[in-house]
Amino acid sequence: MINAAGREFPSIIAGYKEIIPYAGAFATYPPAGARRAGSVIKANYPGTNKLLHSIDEAIEASGLKDGMTISFHHHFRNGDFVMNTVIAAIARKGIKGLTLAPSSFLDTNDELIPYFQQGVLIAAETSGLRNKLGHFMTNNKLSKPTIIRSHGGRVRAIESGELKIDVAFIGAPTCDVYGNINGVHGPAACGSMGYAMVDSRMADTVIAITDNLVDHPICPVSIPQHQVDYIVKVDCIGDPKGISTGALRVTTNPRDLHIAKLAAKVIEFGGYFKEGFGLQLGAGAASVAAGRYLRDVMIRDKVAARFAIGGIVGPFCDLLDEGLIDTLFDVQSFDARSIQSLRDNPKHQEYDCNFYANPWNKGPMVNKLDYVVLGATEVDVNFNVNVMTDSNGIMMGALGGHPDASAGAKCTIITAPLLRGRLPMITDAVQTISTPGDTIDVVVTDRGVAVNPKRQDLIENLKGSGLPLMTIEELRDMAYELGGKPASLNISDEIVAVVEYRDGTVLDVVRRPVL
């Protein structure tokens, strides 16, 4: 079958559910009469002690068995110690056949490869894959294809019952003796617990693992005690210095700064830059840097944003303190500055991923965005974006909230260099579609800016901006002239991953490269 994005795949994929092809960003709705799923009902009577002595004891108490599904959150990013430690303990108990469904994988999860090889883990459902684990999952077919979902798509799958979590292991920076959790206190403070909130609410069993156990009750409470079954105290759950790594980086690269300046100008002239606008910046270097240039324009024109959302970075907190943003909604804190701001500033709000990006609720915050600035690995002439696979076809990125914010925003701006090394970033067709082109409005490169032809209003608005406007085909031709047309990859027919759109339809598949 061929979907609305032009991608072809079999009508049946072994180990995957019944296929519904992607039909458009807003074409697929919840089934008539569908209701939210939920966790099992439990009671905890006075005098019950939730504290256990070890992770091993918690695994036993949870009733974890072969074939179940477990989850983790990735708020510690590359500083996380919880996932690897827990899965090693599960393996020692001889439990096998598990589906691993974390909110994302990071570089530190390369240690999990042997557990996939041994059959402890047999499938994965996640937002992203990186480093050696990404190579492994691309080149080794498991019993089921890896399912890649956006953050909003993951919540939709959990709340609809499509993804049922049996046991959620929550890394808790601070936890009291009855199970209340927050992420803003403790030696491993990570800030917002926005992804973990969903798992703690929906999993049948929730185990809090903390290195900062305190008296009851704490304040504030991010995850409440009535959602937590067991608590385990360990020496260390993570290194907060590992949060500001990977995709998130502050740049001094002149090319990135030039792209950022152009992106800020698109915002200025795009037609939605006015008092009370809504904004999201991605974690890429140019996306973050765009906030610096936008600040100057906001001060000059005396324009303040009503809100900013998504994963929150330090520059947003500075704008909040300066009165240039009225409030922040934080689903993931990306650095020490944002953690401090969430802890100390009441205008900096923590919220969960359902509130942020779930397409199947009564109104996620992405729906109120005027602008979002996001990065890309590559973009094609149909404005499709790839953030998932590298030039060699290996899974090395994450959908994150990219498809969610792109669908919700009035103007989605993609930032990318025209070339990375000698590789063109504007191509005839991206290797993997992560975000469909019908939700992308503007592509900003260091050599020129292309507006999606369907947005004639933006084209008119930007004509007097001084921006180097070009067609997407002109950008592609320039990229090919400078770097040469990329050779086609040798790809097998073997499907190793399914990329779902946020509504659960199949947007694309990842096939194993032939090495």
Foldseek 3Di string as FASTA:
>chain_A
DAEPLGFDFDQDDQQDDGFDAHHDLPPDAPPPPFAWAAADDDDDDPPDFQEDADLLVVCVVLVDAAQAEEEEECLLAQFFDPPLVNLVSLVVVVHFNYEYEYQADHPNCPSCVVNCVVRRYQEYEYFADADPRLQCLQADFGSHFYAHEALQLVLQCQGSVVDAHAEYEYEAQEAERLGFGDQLDHQQRSAFPQAVQSCLGGYNAYEYEYQHYHHPDDPPGRHDSVSHRHYYHDNDGTHSVNLCDDQADADPDPFLLLLLLLVLLLCVLQPQQAAAAEEEFDRHHSSVNVLVNNVVVCVVVVHAHAEYEDADEQSVLVCCVVVRYVAYEHSHHRHPNLSVCSVPPPRYHYHHSNLAFNPRDPDHPLQRHAEYEEEAQAAELLRFGHQAAHPQLGGRGGLYCVQRNLQRYNAYEYEDACDDPLHGRYAHDDPWGSHRSVSHAWYGYSVFIAGNVVPVSSVVSCPPSPGRYDHSVVSHVVSCVRRNHDDDFAFDSAFNYFYAYSSRHTHHTRTRGDD
